[in-house]
Amino acid sequence: DELPDLSEAEGLMEKYKLDEDAKSKLREIVEKRASDSSQVLQQIKKHLDTSANTSSMLCKIARPLIDNEHLPDPPERGSKGGGKGKSKDKDGDGGDRHRDRRDRSRDRDRDRDRDRDR
């Protein structure tokens, strides 16, 4: 049994800084899908490009890939969490108002801590 070429997969491991668990899953995918590993790796790349936590994303999509099942394309970046139906920065305030409120409460907490220390 010839070992599949892992160089492309290793490139993904580096690029996306995958943890050990995700690396072993990626190795397993490439071994099981050696015949079409290039297409599979392209599919994985699409998913990792849209993910904030690449290692957990890889572990999530690994099972269907290992079992040779169809994996749907990832949702377009930015389609999640659209908010309250307003386009971003429509009125130019960029949502800073909420941040200011949070900062104020943080300041109050800090003041309380200082009072306790005295």
PDB file of N, CA and C in Angstrom:
ATOM      1  N   ASP A   1       0.836  -1.205   0.000  1.00  0.00           N
ATOM      2  CA  ASP A   1       0.000   0.000   0.000  1.00  0.00           C
ATOM      3  C   ASP A   1       0.871   1.256   0.000  1.00  0.00           C
ATOM      4  N   GLU A   2       0.742   2.045  -1.058  1.00  0.00           N
ATOM      5  CA  GLU A   2       1.548   3.261  -1.163  1.00  0.00           C
ATOM      6  C   GLU A   2       0.924   4.384  -0.343  1.00  0.00           C
ATOM      7  N   LEU A   3       1.769   5.128   0.373  1.00  0.00           N
ATOM      8  CA  LEU A   3       1.264   6.243   1.167  1.00  0.00           C
ATOM      9  C   LEU A   3       0.914   7.415   0.254  1.00  0.00           C
ATOM     10  N   PRO A   4      -0.224   8.066   0.510  1.00  0.00           N
ATOM     11  CA  PRO A   4      -0.590   9.219  -0.324  1.00  0.00           C
ATOM     12  C   PRO A   4       0.346  10.402  -0.055  1.00  0.00           C
ATOM     13  N   ASP A   5       0.412  11.315  -1.003  1.00  0.00           N
ATOM     14  CA  ASP A   5       1.252  12.503  -0.874  1.00  0.00           C
ATOM     15  C   ASP A   5       0.591  13.481   0.098  1.00  0.00           C
ATOM     16  N   LEU A   6       1.268  13.741   1.216  1.00  0.00           N
ATOM     17  CA  LEU A   6       0.696  14.614   2.249  1.00  0.00           C
ATOM     18  C   LEU A   6       1.206  16.053   2.166  1.00  0.00           C
ATOM     19  N   SER A   7       2.011  16.372   1.133  1.00  0.00           N
ATOM     20  CA  SER A   7       2.624  17.703   1.104  1.00  0.00           C
ATOM     21  C   SER A   7       1.571  18.815   1.002  1.00  0.00           C
ATOM     22  N   GLU A   8       0.544  18.587   0.176  1.00  0.00           N
ATOM     23  CA  GLU A   8      -0.514  19.601   0.046  1.00  0.00           C
ATOM     24  C   GLU A   8      -1.268  19.758   1.371  1.00  0.00           C
ATOM     25  N   ALA A   9      -1.534  18.626   2.027  1.00  0.00           N
ATOM     26  CA  ALA A   9      -2.234  18.652   3.314  1.00  0.00           C
ATOM     27  C   ALA A   9      -1.379  19.352   4.373  1.00  0.00           C
ATOM     28  N   GLU A  10      -0.073  19.089   4.343  1.00  0.00           N
ATOM     29  CA  GLU A  10       0.818  19.740   5.305  1.00  0.00           C
ATOM     30  C   GLU A  10       0.827  21.248   5.105  1.00  0.00           C
ATOM     31  N   GLY A  11       0.692  21.674   3.861  1.00  0.00           N
ATOM     32  CA  GLY A  11       0.588  23.105   3.570  1.00  0.00           C
ATOM     33  C   GLY A  11      -0.621  23.721   4.254  1.00  0.00           C
ATOM     34  N   LEU A  12      -1.750  22.993   4.206  1.00  0.00           N
ATOM     35  CA  LEU A  12      -2.964  23.480   4.875  1.00  0.00           C
ATOM     36  C   LEU A  12      -2.773  23.522   6.390  1.00  0.00           C
ATOM     37  N   MET A  13      -2.093  22.502   6.928  1.00  0.00           N
ATOM     38  CA  MET A  13      -1.861  22.457   8.381  1.00  0.00           C
ATOM     39  C   MET A  13      -1.101  23.706   8.832  1.00  0.00           C
ATOM     40  N   GLU A  14      -0.083  24.068   8.039  1.00  0.00           N
ATOM     41  CA  GLU A  14       0.717  25.256   8.358  1.00  0.00           C
ATOM     42  C   GLU A  14      -0.117  26.519   8.222  1.00  0.00           C
ATOM     43  N   LYS A  15      -0.754  26.652   7.061  1.00  0.00           N
ATOM     44  CA  LYS A  15      -1.481  27.883   6.740  1.00  0.00           C
ATOM     45  C   LYS A  15      -2.561  28.189   7.771  1.00  0.00           C
ATOM     46  N   TYR A  16      -3.296  27.154   8.196  1.00  0.00           N
ATOM     47  CA  TYR A  16      -4.431  27.371   9.100  1.00  0.00           C
ATOM     48  C   TYR A  16      -4.093  27.074  10.555  1.00  0.00           C
ATOM     49  N   LYS A  17      -2.822  26.798  10.838  1.00  0.00           N
ATOM     50  CA  LYS A  17      -2.359  26.536  12.211  1.00  0.00           C
ATOM     51  C   LYS A  17      -3.272  25.542  12.940  1.00  0.00           C
ATOM     52  N   LEU A  18      -3.450  24.376  12.326  1.00  0.00           N
ATOM     53  CA  LEU A  18      -4.346  23.358  12.879  1.00  0.00           C
ATOM     54  C   LEU A  18      -3.736  22.707  14.117  1.00  0.00           C
ATOM     55  N   ASP A  19      -4.591  22.346  15.076  1.00  0.00           N
ATOM     56  CA  ASP A  19      -4.096  21.639  16.262  1.00  0.00           C
ATOM     57  C   ASP A  19      -3.893  20.147  15.933  1.00  0.00           C
ATOM     58  N   GLU A  20      -3.321  19.419  16.884  1.00  0.00           N
ATOM     59  CA  GLU A  20      -2.962  18.011  16.627  1.00  0.00           C
ATOM     60  C   GLU A  20      -4.169  17.170  16.205  1.00  0.00           C
ATOM     61  N   ASP A  21      -5.290  17.369  16.871  1.00  0.00           N
ATOM     62  CA  ASP A  21      -6.498  16.613  16.562  1.00  0.00           C
ATOM     63  C   ASP A  21      -6.911  16.838  15.103  1.00  0.00           C
ATOM     64  N   ALA A  22      -6.919  18.110  14.693  1.00  0.00           N
ATOM     65  CA  ALA A  22      -7.315  18.447  13.326  1.00  0.00           C
ATOM     66  C   ALA A  22      -6.297  17.904  12.312  1.00  0.00           C
ATOM     67  N   LYS A  23      -5.016  17.959  12.672  1.00  0.00           N
ATOM     68  CA  LYS A  23      -3.984  17.429  11.762  1.00  0.00           C
ATOM     69  C   LYS A  23      -4.185  15.942  11.529  1.00  0.00           C
ATOM     70  N   SER A  24      -4.488  15.209  12.588  1.00  0.00           N
ATOM     71  CA  SER A  24      -4.650  13.763  12.423  1.00  0.00           C
ATOM     72  C   SER A  24      -5.905  13.462  11.594  1.00  0.00           C
ATOM     73  N   LYS A  25      -6.958  14.282  11.756  1.00  0.00           N
ATOM     74  CA  LYS A  25      -8.168  14.108  10.944  1.00  0.00           C
ATOM     75  C   LYS A  25      -7.851  14.383   9.470  1.00  0.00           C
ATOM     76  N   LEU A  26      -7.065  15.425   9.222  1.00  0.00           N
ATOM     77  CA  LEU A  26      -6.716  15.767   7.842  1.00  0.00           C
ATOM     78  C   LEU A  26      -5.902  14.636   7.204  1.00  0.00           C
ATOM     79  N   ARG A  27      -4.963  14.085   7.979  1.00  0.00           N
ATOM     80  CA  ARG A  27      -4.185  12.939   7.472  1.00  0.00           C
ATOM     81  C   ARG A  27      -5.121  11.781   7.117  1.00  0.00           C
ATOM     82  N   GLU A  28      -6.058  11.515   8.019  1.00  0.00           N
ATOM     83  CA  GLU A  28      -6.999  10.413   7.795  1.00  0.00           C
ATOM     84  C   GLU A  28      -7.834  10.653   6.529  1.00  0.00           C
ATOM     85  N   ILE A  29      -8.287  11.897   6.330  1.00  0.00           N
ATOM     86  CA  ILE A  29      -9.070  12.226   5.132  1.00  0.00           C
ATOM     87  C   ILE A  29      -8.238  11.953   3.879  1.00  0.00           C
ATOM     88  N   VAL A  30      -6.992  12.431   3.860  1.00  0.00           N
ATOM     89  CA  VAL A  30      -6.140  12.265   2.675  1.00  0.00           C
ATOM     90  C   VAL A  30      -5.866  10.785   2.419  1.00  0.00           C
ATOM     91  N   GLU A  31      -5.666  10.002   3.489  1.00  0.00           N
ATOM     92  CA  GLU A  31      -5.423   8.569   3.311  1.00  0.00           C
ATOM     93  C   GLU A  31      -6.653   7.858   2.749  1.00  0.00           C
ATOM     94  N   LYS A  32      -7.839   8.215   3.270  1.00  0.00           N
ATOM     95  CA  LYS A  32      -9.062   7.547   2.814  1.00  0.00           C
ATOM     96  C   LYS A  32      -9.483   7.996   1.424  1.00  0.00           C
ATOM     97  N   ARG A  33      -9.164   9.242   1.078  1.00  0.00           N
ATOM     98  CA  ARG A  33      -9.608   9.793  -0.204  1.00  0.00           C
ATOM     99  C   ARG A  33      -8.414  10.058  -1.125  1.00  0.00           C
ATOM    100  N   ALA A  34      -7.425   9.176  -1.095  1.00  0.00           N
ATOM    101  CA  ALA A  34      -6.195   9.379  -1.872  1.00  0.00           C
ATOM    102  C   ALA A  34      -6.488   9.592  -3.358  1.00  0.00           C
ATOM    103  N   SER A  35      -7.521   8.925  -3.880  1.00  0.00           N
ATOM    104  CA  SER A  35      -7.801   9.008  -5.321  1.00  0.00           C
ATOM    105  C   SER A  35      -8.233  10.407  -5.753  1.00  0.00           C
ATOM    106  N   ASP A  36      -8.952  11.132  -4.876  1.00  0.00           N
ATOM    107  CA  ASP A  36      -9.401  12.480  -5.254  1.00  0.00           C
ATOM    108  C   ASP A  36      -8.995  13.512  -4.191  1.00  0.00           C
ATOM    109  N   SER A  37      -7.803  13.298  -3.613  1.00  0.00           N
ATOM    110  CA  SER A  37      -7.391  14.147  -2.489  1.00  0.00           C
ATOM    111  C   SER A  37      -7.275  15.622  -2.863  1.00  0.00           C
ATOM    112  N   SER A  38      -6.897  15.924  -4.105  1.00  0.00           N
ATOM    113  CA  SER A  38      -6.764  17.331  -4.486  1.00  0.00           C
ATOM    114  C   SER A  38      -8.103  18.060  -4.438  1.00  0.00           C
ATOM    115  N   GLN A  39      -9.155  17.406  -4.982  1.00  0.00           N
ATOM    116  CA  GLN A  39     -10.482  18.032  -4.932  1.00  0.00           C
ATOM    117  C   GLN A  39     -10.959  18.157  -3.488  1.00  0.00           C
ATOM    118  N   VAL A  40     -10.722  17.128  -2.690  1.00  0.00           N
ATOM    119  CA  VAL A  40     -11.147  17.143  -1.291  1.00  0.00           C
ATOM    120  C   VAL A  40     -10.433  18.264  -0.537  1.00  0.00           C
ATOM    121  N   LEU A  41      -9.138  18.415  -0.786  1.00  0.00           N
ATOM    122  CA  LEU A  41      -8.394  19.471  -0.102  1.00  0.00           C
ATOM    123  C   LEU A  41      -8.879  20.855  -0.530  1.00  0.00           C
ATOM    124  N   GLN A  42      -9.276  20.999  -1.787  1.00  0.00           N
ATOM    125  CA  GLN A  42      -9.843  22.287  -2.229  1.00  0.00           C
ATOM    126  C   GLN A  42     -11.140  22.583  -1.469  1.00  0.00           C
ATOM    127  N   GLN A  43     -11.954  21.537  -1.301  1.00  0.00           N
ATOM    128  CA  GLN A  43     -13.213  21.682  -0.566  1.00  0.00           C
ATOM    129  C   GLN A  43     -12.936  22.073   0.895  1.00  0.00           C
ATOM    130  N   ILE A  44     -11.960  21.407   1.507  1.00  0.00           N
ATOM    131  CA  ILE A  44     -11.591  21.704   2.891  1.00  0.00           C
ATOM    132  C   ILE A  44     -11.124  23.149   2.995  1.00  0.00           C
ATOM    133  N   LYS A  45     -10.313  23.564   2.031  1.00  0.00           N
ATOM    134  CA  LYS A  45      -9.778  24.930   2.024  1.00  0.00           C
ATOM    135  C   LYS A  45     -10.918  25.955   2.010  1.00  0.00           C
ATOM    136  N   LYS A  46     -11.941  25.702   1.187  1.00  0.00           N
ATOM    137  CA  LYS A  46     -13.096  26.606   1.126  1.00  0.00           C
ATOM    138  C   LYS A  46     -13.727  26.762   2.506  1.00  0.00           C
ATOM    139  N   HIS A  47     -13.894  25.629   3.191  1.00  0.00           N
ATOM    140  CA  HIS A  47     -14.520  25.659   4.515  1.00  0.00           C
ATOM    141  C   HIS A  47     -13.644  26.385   5.532  1.00  0.00           C
ATOM    142  N   LEU A  48     -12.341  26.114   5.484  1.00  0.00           N
ATOM    143  CA  LEU A  48     -11.449  26.743   6.467  1.00  0.00           C
ATOM    144  C   LEU A  48     -11.315  28.242   6.220  1.00  0.00           C
ATOM    145  N   ASP A  49     -11.410  28.656   4.950  1.00  0.00           N
ATOM    146  CA  ASP A  49     -11.334  30.085   4.640  1.00  0.00           C
ATOM    147  C   ASP A  49     -12.484  30.865   5.259  1.00  0.00           C
ATOM    148  N   THR A  50     -13.640  30.220   5.430  1.00  0.00           N
ATOM    149  CA  THR A  50     -14.794  30.933   5.980  1.00  0.00           C
ATOM    150  C   THR A  50     -14.913  30.768   7.490  1.00  0.00           C
ATOM    151  N   SER A  51     -13.993  30.024   8.100  1.00  0.00           N
ATOM    152  CA  SER A  51     -14.140  29.685   9.514  1.00  0.00           C
ATOM    153  C   SER A  51     -13.220  30.514  10.409  1.00  0.00           C
ATOM    154  N   ALA A  52     -13.745  30.879  11.583  1.00  0.00           N
ATOM    155  CA  ALA A  52     -12.927  31.601  12.564  1.00  0.00           C
ATOM    156  C   ALA A  52     -12.070  30.612  13.354  1.00  0.00           C
ATOM    157  N   ASN A  53     -12.619  29.425  13.604  1.00  0.00           N
ATOM    158  CA  ASN A  53     -11.879  28.401  14.345  1.00  0.00           C
ATOM    159  C   ASN A  53     -11.634  27.215  13.419  1.00  0.00           C
ATOM    160  N   THR A  54     -10.495  27.260  12.733  1.00  0.00           N
ATOM    161  CA  THR A  54     -10.242  26.305  11.650  1.00  0.00           C
ATOM    162  C   THR A  54     -10.137  24.862  12.135  1.00  0.00           C
ATOM    163  N   SER A  55      -9.507  24.644  13.298  1.00  0.00           N
ATOM    164  CA  SER A  55      -9.345  23.267  13.773  1.00  0.00           C
ATOM    165  C   SER A  55     -10.694  22.613  14.057  1.00  0.00           C
ATOM    166  N   SER A  56     -11.594  23.341  14.718  1.00  0.00           N
ATOM    167  CA  SER A  56     -12.895  22.730  15.023  1.00  0.00           C
ATOM    168  C   SER A  56     -13.717  22.562  13.748  1.00  0.00           C
ATOM    169  N   MET A  57     -13.565  23.474  12.790  1.00  0.00           N
ATOM    170  CA  MET A  57     -14.273  23.337  11.515  1.00  0.00           C
ATOM    171  C   MET A  57     -13.812  22.065  10.801  1.00  0.00           C
ATOM    172  N   LEU A  58     -12.505  21.832  10.781  1.00  0.00           N
ATOM    173  CA  LEU A  58     -11.990  20.647  10.111  1.00  0.00           C
ATOM    174  C   LEU A  58     -12.544  19.382  10.769  1.00  0.00           C
ATOM    175  N   CYS A  59     -12.553  19.357  12.102  1.00  0.00           N
ATOM    176  CA  CYS A  59     -13.062  18.177  12.805  1.00  0.00           C
ATOM    177  C   CYS A  59     -14.549  17.977  12.507  1.00  0.00           C
ATOM    178  N   LYS A  60     -15.277  19.083  12.320  1.00  0.00           N
ATOM    179  CA  LYS A  60     -16.713  18.991  12.040  1.00  0.00           C
ATOM    180  C   LYS A  60     -16.977  18.406  10.655  1.00  0.00           C
ATOM    181  N   ILE A  61     -16.165  18.795   9.663  1.00  0.00           N
ATOM    182  CA  ILE A  61     -16.427  18.328   8.290  1.00  0.00           C
ATOM    183  C   ILE A  61     -15.687  17.030   7.963  1.00  0.00           C
ATOM    184  N   ALA A  62     -14.835  16.543   8.873  1.00  0.00           N
ATOM    185  CA  ALA A  62     -14.006  15.368   8.572  1.00  0.00           C
ATOM    186  C   ALA A  62     -14.822  14.106   8.326  1.00  0.00           C
ATOM    187  N   ARG A  63     -15.805  13.845   9.194  1.00  0.00           N
ATOM    188  CA  ARG A  63     -16.544  12.581   9.101  1.00  0.00           C
ATOM    189  C   ARG A  63     -17.172  12.358   7.728  1.00  0.00           C
ATOM    190  N   PRO A  64     -17.971  13.320   7.201  1.00  0.00           N
ATOM    191  CA  PRO A  64     -18.552  13.069   5.876  1.00  0.00           C
ATOM    192  C   PRO A  64     -17.478  12.886   4.791  1.00  0.00           C
ATOM    193  N   LEU A  65     -16.366  13.596   4.920  1.00  0.00           N
ATOM    194  CA  LEU A  65     -15.310  13.449   3.906  1.00  0.00           C
ATOM    195  C   LEU A  65     -14.665  12.071   3.981  1.00  0.00           C
ATOM    196  N   ILE A  66     -14.423  11.598   5.197  1.00  0.00           N
ATOM    197  CA  ILE A  66     -13.814  10.274   5.366  1.00  0.00           C
ATOM    198  C   ILE A  66     -14.767   9.192   4.848  1.00  0.00           C
ATOM    199  N   ASP A  67     -16.063   9.386   5.101  1.00  0.00           N
ATOM    200  CA  ASP A  67     -17.056   8.401   4.661  1.00  0.00           C
ATOM    201  C   ASP A  67     -17.452   8.571   3.198  1.00  0.00           C
ATOM    202  N   ASN A  68     -16.731   9.440   2.487  1.00  0.00           N
ATOM    203  CA  ASN A  68     -16.972   9.656   1.059  1.00  0.00           C
ATOM    204  C   ASN A  68     -18.366  10.194   0.774  1.00  0.00           C
ATOM    205  N   GLU A  69     -18.896  11.010   1.687  1.00  0.00           N
ATOM    206  CA  GLU A  69     -20.214  11.617   1.489  1.00  0.00           C
ATOM    207  C   GLU A  69     -20.047  13.004   0.895  1.00  0.00           C
ATOM    208  N   HIS A  70     -21.144  13.524   0.362  1.00  0.00           N
ATOM    209  CA  HIS A  70     -21.109  14.869  -0.222  1.00  0.00           C
ATOM    210  C   HIS A  70     -21.068  15.912   0.893  1.00  0.00           C
ATOM    211  N   LEU A  71     -20.208  16.893   0.726  1.00  0.00           N
ATOM    212  CA  LEU A  71     -20.113  17.987   1.689  1.00  0.00           C
ATOM    213  C   LEU A  71     -20.586  19.256   0.986  1.00  0.00           C
ATOM    214  N   PRO A  72     -21.665  19.894   1.487  1.00  0.00           N
ATOM    215  CA  PRO A  72     -22.129  21.116   0.815  1.00  0.00           C
ATOM    216  C   PRO A  72     -21.117  22.242   0.958  1.00  0.00           C
ATOM    217  N   ASP A  73     -21.138  23.174   0.015  1.00  0.00           N
ATOM    218  CA  ASP A  73     -20.242  24.324   0.109  1.00  0.00           C
ATOM    219  C   ASP A  73     -20.552  25.111   1.374  1.00  0.00           C
ATOM    220  N   PRO A  74     -19.528  25.775   1.932  1.00  0.00           N
ATOM    221  CA  PRO A  74     -19.769  26.564   3.147  1.00  0.00           C
ATOM    222  C   PRO A  74     -20.634  27.777   2.819  1.00  0.00           C
ATOM    223  N   PRO A  75     -21.354  28.289   3.819  1.00  0.00           N
ATOM    224  CA  PRO A  75     -22.143  29.501   3.560  1.00  0.00           C
ATOM    225  C   PRO A  75     -21.209  30.661   3.239  1.00  0.00           C
ATOM    226  N   GLU A  76     -21.693  31.614   2.460  1.00  0.00           N
ATOM    227  CA  GLU A  76     -20.860  32.768   2.115  1.00  0.00           C
ATOM    228  C   GLU A  76     -20.492  33.518   3.378  1.00  0.00           C
ATOM    229  N   ARG A  77     -19.272  34.010   3.432  1.00  0.00           N
ATOM    230  CA  ARG A  77     -18.792  34.766   4.590  1.00  0.00           C
ATOM    231  C   ARG A  77     -19.659  36.011   4.761  1.00  0.00           C
ATOM    232  N   GLY A  78     -20.087  36.256   5.986  1.00  0.00           N
ATOM    233  CA  GLY A  78     -20.855  37.463   6.250  1.00  0.00           C
ATOM    234  C   GLY A  78     -22.350  37.240   6.194  1.00  0.00           C
ATOM    235  N   SER A  79     -22.809  36.049   5.791  1.00  0.00           N
ATOM    236  CA  SER A  79     -24.246  35.828   5.748  1.00  0.00           C
ATOM    237  C   SER A  79     -24.796  35.541   7.136  1.00  0.00           C
ATOM    238  N   LYS A  80     -23.917  35.175   8.061  1.00  0.00           N
ATOM    239  CA  LYS A  80     -24.359  34.908   9.433  1.00  0.00           C
ATOM    240  C   LYS A  80     -24.391  36.190  10.235  1.00  0.00           C
ATOM    241  N   GLY A  81     -25.329  36.295  11.149  1.00  0.00           N
ATOM    242  CA  GLY A  81     -25.357  37.420  12.076  1.00  0.00           C
ATOM    243  C   GLY A  81     -25.545  38.747  11.390  1.00  0.00           C
ATOM    244  N   GLY A  82     -26.522  38.838  10.519  1.00  0.00           N
ATOM    245  CA  GLY A  82     -26.772  40.078   9.806  1.00  0.00           C
ATOM    246  C   GLY A  82     -27.280  41.192  10.691  1.00  0.00           C
ATOM    247  N   GLY A  83     -27.617  40.881  11.924  1.00  0.00           N
ATOM    248  CA  GLY A  83     -28.077  41.932  12.831  1.00  0.00           C
ATOM    249  C   GLY A  83     -29.552  42.190  12.670  1.00  0.00           C
ATOM    250  N   LYS A  84     -29.947  43.455  12.817  1.00  0.00           N
ATOM    251  CA  LYS A  84     -31.367  43.790  12.825  1.00  0.00           C
ATOM    252  C   LYS A  84     -31.826  44.353  11.496  1.00  0.00           C
ATOM    253  N   GLY A  85     -31.352  43.786  10.416  1.00  0.00           N
ATOM    254  CA  GLY A  85     -31.831  44.186   9.108  1.00  0.00           C
ATOM    255  C   GLY A  85     -31.320  45.539   8.651  1.00  0.00           C
ATOM    256  N   LYS A  86     -30.301  46.073   9.292  1.00  0.00           N
ATOM    257  CA  LYS A  86     -29.723  47.337   8.852  1.00  0.00           C
ATOM    258  C   LYS A  86     -28.419  47.037   8.135  1.00  0.00           C
ATOM    259  N   SER A  87     -28.126  47.811   7.105  1.00  0.00           N
ATOM    260  CA  SER A  87     -26.827  47.608   6.476  1.00  0.00           C
ATOM    261  C   SER A  87     -25.767  48.232   7.364  1.00  0.00           C
ATOM    262  N   LYS A  88     -24.576  47.677   7.297  1.00  0.00           N
ATOM    263  CA  LYS A  88     -23.503  48.169   8.174  1.00  0.00           C
ATOM    264  C   LYS A  88     -23.167  49.616   7.858  1.00  0.00           C
ATOM    265  N   ASP A  89     -22.937  50.400   8.895  1.00  0.00           N
ATOM    266  CA  ASP A  89     -22.482  51.789   8.774  1.00  0.00           C
ATOM    267  C   ASP A  89     -23.399  52.651   7.919  1.00  0.00           C
ATOM    268  N   LYS A  90     -24.707  52.389   7.966  1.00  0.00           N
ATOM    269  CA  LYS A  90     -25.613  53.179   7.153  1.00  0.00           C
ATOM    270  C   LYS A  90     -25.670  54.617   7.657  1.00  0.00           C
ATOM    271  N   ASP A  91     -25.763  54.784   8.989  1.00  0.00           N
ATOM    272  CA  ASP A  91     -25.856  56.136   9.528  1.00  0.00           C
ATOM    273  C   ASP A  91     -24.503  56.642  10.036  1.00  0.00           C
ATOM    274  N   GLY A  92     -23.442  55.896   9.799  1.00  0.00           N
ATOM    275  CA  GLY A  92     -22.114  56.397  10.090  1.00  0.00           C
ATOM    276  C   GLY A  92     -21.658  56.261  11.532  1.00  0.00           C
ATOM    277  N   ASP A  93     -22.553  55.827  12.458  1.00  0.00           N
ATOM    278  CA  ASP A  93     -22.070  55.756  13.844  1.00  0.00           C
ATOM    279  C   ASP A  93     -21.344  54.450  14.124  1.00  0.00           C
ATOM    280  N   GLY A  94     -21.538  53.444  13.300  1.00  0.00           N
ATOM    281  CA  GLY A  94     -20.768  52.214  13.407  1.00  0.00           C
ATOM    282  C   GLY A  94     -20.981  51.455  14.701  1.00  0.00           C
ATOM    283  N   GLY A  95     -22.003  51.778  15.431  1.00  0.00           N
ATOM    284  CA  GLY A  95     -22.314  51.027  16.648  1.00  0.00           C
ATOM    285  C   GLY A  95     -21.414  51.344  17.820  1.00  0.00           C
ATOM    286  N   ASP A  96     -20.745  52.490  17.811  1.00  0.00           N
ATOM    287  CA  ASP A  96     -19.861  52.848  18.925  1.00  0.00           C
ATOM    288  C   ASP A  96     -20.640  53.162  20.194  1.00  0.00           C
ATOM    289  N   ARG A  97     -21.897  53.548  20.041  1.00  0.00           N
ATOM    290  CA  ARG A  97     -22.691  53.944  21.203  1.00  0.00           C
ATOM    291  C   ARG A  97     -22.711  52.838  22.251  1.00  0.00           C
ATOM    292  N   HIS A  98     -22.865  51.586  21.785  1.00  0.00           N
ATOM    293  CA  HIS A  98     -22.918  50.469  22.739  1.00  0.00           C
ATOM    294  C   HIS A  98     -21.576  50.240  23.411  1.00  0.00           C
ATOM    295  N   ARG A  99     -20.516  50.441  22.665  1.00  0.00           N
ATOM    296  CA  ARG A  99     -19.189  50.247  23.227  1.00  0.00           C
ATOM    297  C   ARG A  99     -18.948  51.250  24.342  1.00  0.00           C
ATOM    298  N   ASP A 100     -19.384  52.502  24.130  1.00  0.00           N
ATOM    299  CA  ASP A 100     -19.204  53.532  25.156  1.00  0.00           C
ATOM    300  C   ASP A 100     -19.901  53.132  26.448  1.00  0.00           C
ATOM    301  N   ARG A 101     -21.104  52.603  26.327  1.00  0.00           N
ATOM    302  CA  ARG A 101     -21.850  52.202  27.519  1.00  0.00           C
ATOM    303  C   ARG A 101     -21.084  51.124  28.282  1.00  0.00           C
ATOM    304  N   ARG A 102     -20.512  50.170  27.522  1.00  0.00           N
ATOM    305  CA  ARG A 102     -19.759  49.095  28.146  1.00  0.00           C
ATOM    306  C   ARG A 102     -18.533  49.652  28.861  1.00  0.00           C
ATOM    307  N   ASP A 103     -17.853  50.592  28.219  1.00  0.00           N
ATOM    308  CA  ASP A 103     -16.663  51.201  28.834  1.00  0.00           C
ATOM    309  C   ASP A 103     -17.022  51.884  30.139  1.00  0.00           C
ATOM    310  N   ARG A 104     -18.162  52.573  30.159  1.00  0.00           N
ATOM    311  CA  ARG A 104     -18.573  53.276  31.364  1.00  0.00           C
ATOM    312  C   ARG A 104     -18.798  52.311  32.513  1.00  0.00           C
ATOM    313  N   SER A 105     -19.459  51.190  32.213  1.00  0.00           N
ATOM    314  CA  SER A 105     -19.719  50.238  33.297  1.00  0.00           C
ATOM    315  C   SER A 105     -18.407  49.604  33.768  1.00  0.00           C
ATOM    316  N   ARG A 106     -17.471  49.435  32.845  1.00  0.00           N
ATOM    317  CA  ARG A 106     -16.166  48.904  33.234  1.00  0.00           C
ATOM    318  C   ARG A 106     -15.450  49.884  34.162  1.00  0.00           C
ATOM    319  N   ASP A 107     -15.551  51.173  33.831  1.00  0.00           N
ATOM    320  CA  ASP A 107     -14.950  52.203  34.685  1.00  0.00           C
ATOM    321  C   ASP A 107     -15.557  52.156  36.082  1.00  0.00           C
ATOM    322  N   ARG A 108     -16.878  51.987  36.144  1.00  0.00           N
ATOM    323  CA  ARG A 108     -17.548  51.927  37.444  1.00  0.00           C
ATOM    324  C   ARG A 108     -17.036  50.739  38.251  1.00  0.00           C
ATOM    325  N   ASP A 109     -16.870  49.598  37.582  1.00  0.00           N
ATOM    326  CA  ASP A 109     -16.336  48.416  38.270  1.00  0.00           C
ATOM    327  C   ASP A 109     -14.945  48.692  38.813  1.00  0.00           C
ATOM    328  N   ARG A 110     -14.128  49.355  37.984  1.00  0.00           N
ATOM    329  CA  ARG A 110     -12.772  49.658  38.386  1.00  0.00           C
ATOM    330  C   ARG A 110     -12.772  50.570  39.615  1.00  0.00           C
ATOM    331  N   ASP A 111     -13.658  51.572  39.605  1.00  0.00           N
ATOM    332  CA  ASP A 111     -13.770  52.476  40.746  1.00  0.00           C
ATOM    333  C   ASP A 111     -14.154  51.711  42.005  1.00  0.00           C
ATOM    334  N   ARG A 112     -15.110  50.784  41.864  1.00  0.00           N
ATOM    335  CA  ARG A 112     -15.539  49.993  43.030  1.00  0.00           C
ATOM    336  C   ARG A 112     -14.382  49.171  43.572  1.00  0.00           C
ATOM    337  N   ASP A 113     -13.594  48.580  42.652  1.00  0.00           N
ATOM    338  CA  ASP A 113     -12.437  47.805  43.094  1.00  0.00           C
ATOM    339  C   ASP A 113     -11.461  48.674  43.872  1.00  0.00           C
ATOM    340  N   ARG A 114     -11.226  49.881  43.366  1.00  0.00           N
ATOM    341  CA  ARG A 114     -10.302  50.782  44.057  1.00  0.00           C
ATOM    342  C   ARG A 114     -10.817  51.127  45.449  1.00  0.00           C
ATOM    343  N   ASP A 115     -12.141  51.360  45.557  1.00  0.00           N
ATOM    344  CA  ASP A 115     -12.722  51.682  46.858  1.00  0.00           C
ATOM    345  C   ASP A 115     -12.483  50.546  47.839  1.00  0.00           C
ATOM    346  N   ARG A 116     -12.635  49.313  47.356  1.00  0.00           N
ATOM    347  CA  ARG A 116     -12.434  48.151  48.225  1.00  0.00           C
ATOM    348  C   ARG A 116     -10.989  48.051  48.727  1.00  0.00           C
ATOM    349  N   ASP A 117     -10.056  48.439  47.867  1.00  0.00           N
ATOM    350  CA  ASP A 117      -8.636  48.326  48.221  1.00  0.00           C
ATOM    351  C   ASP A 117      -8.225  49.301  49.321  1.00  0.00           C
ATOM    352  N   ARG A 118      -8.932  50.404  49.429  1.00  0.00           N
ATOM    353  CA  ARG A 118      -8.530  51.437  50.390  1.00  0.00           C
ATOM    354  C   ARG A 118      -8.729  51.017  51.812  1.00  0.00           C
TER     355      ARG A 118
END
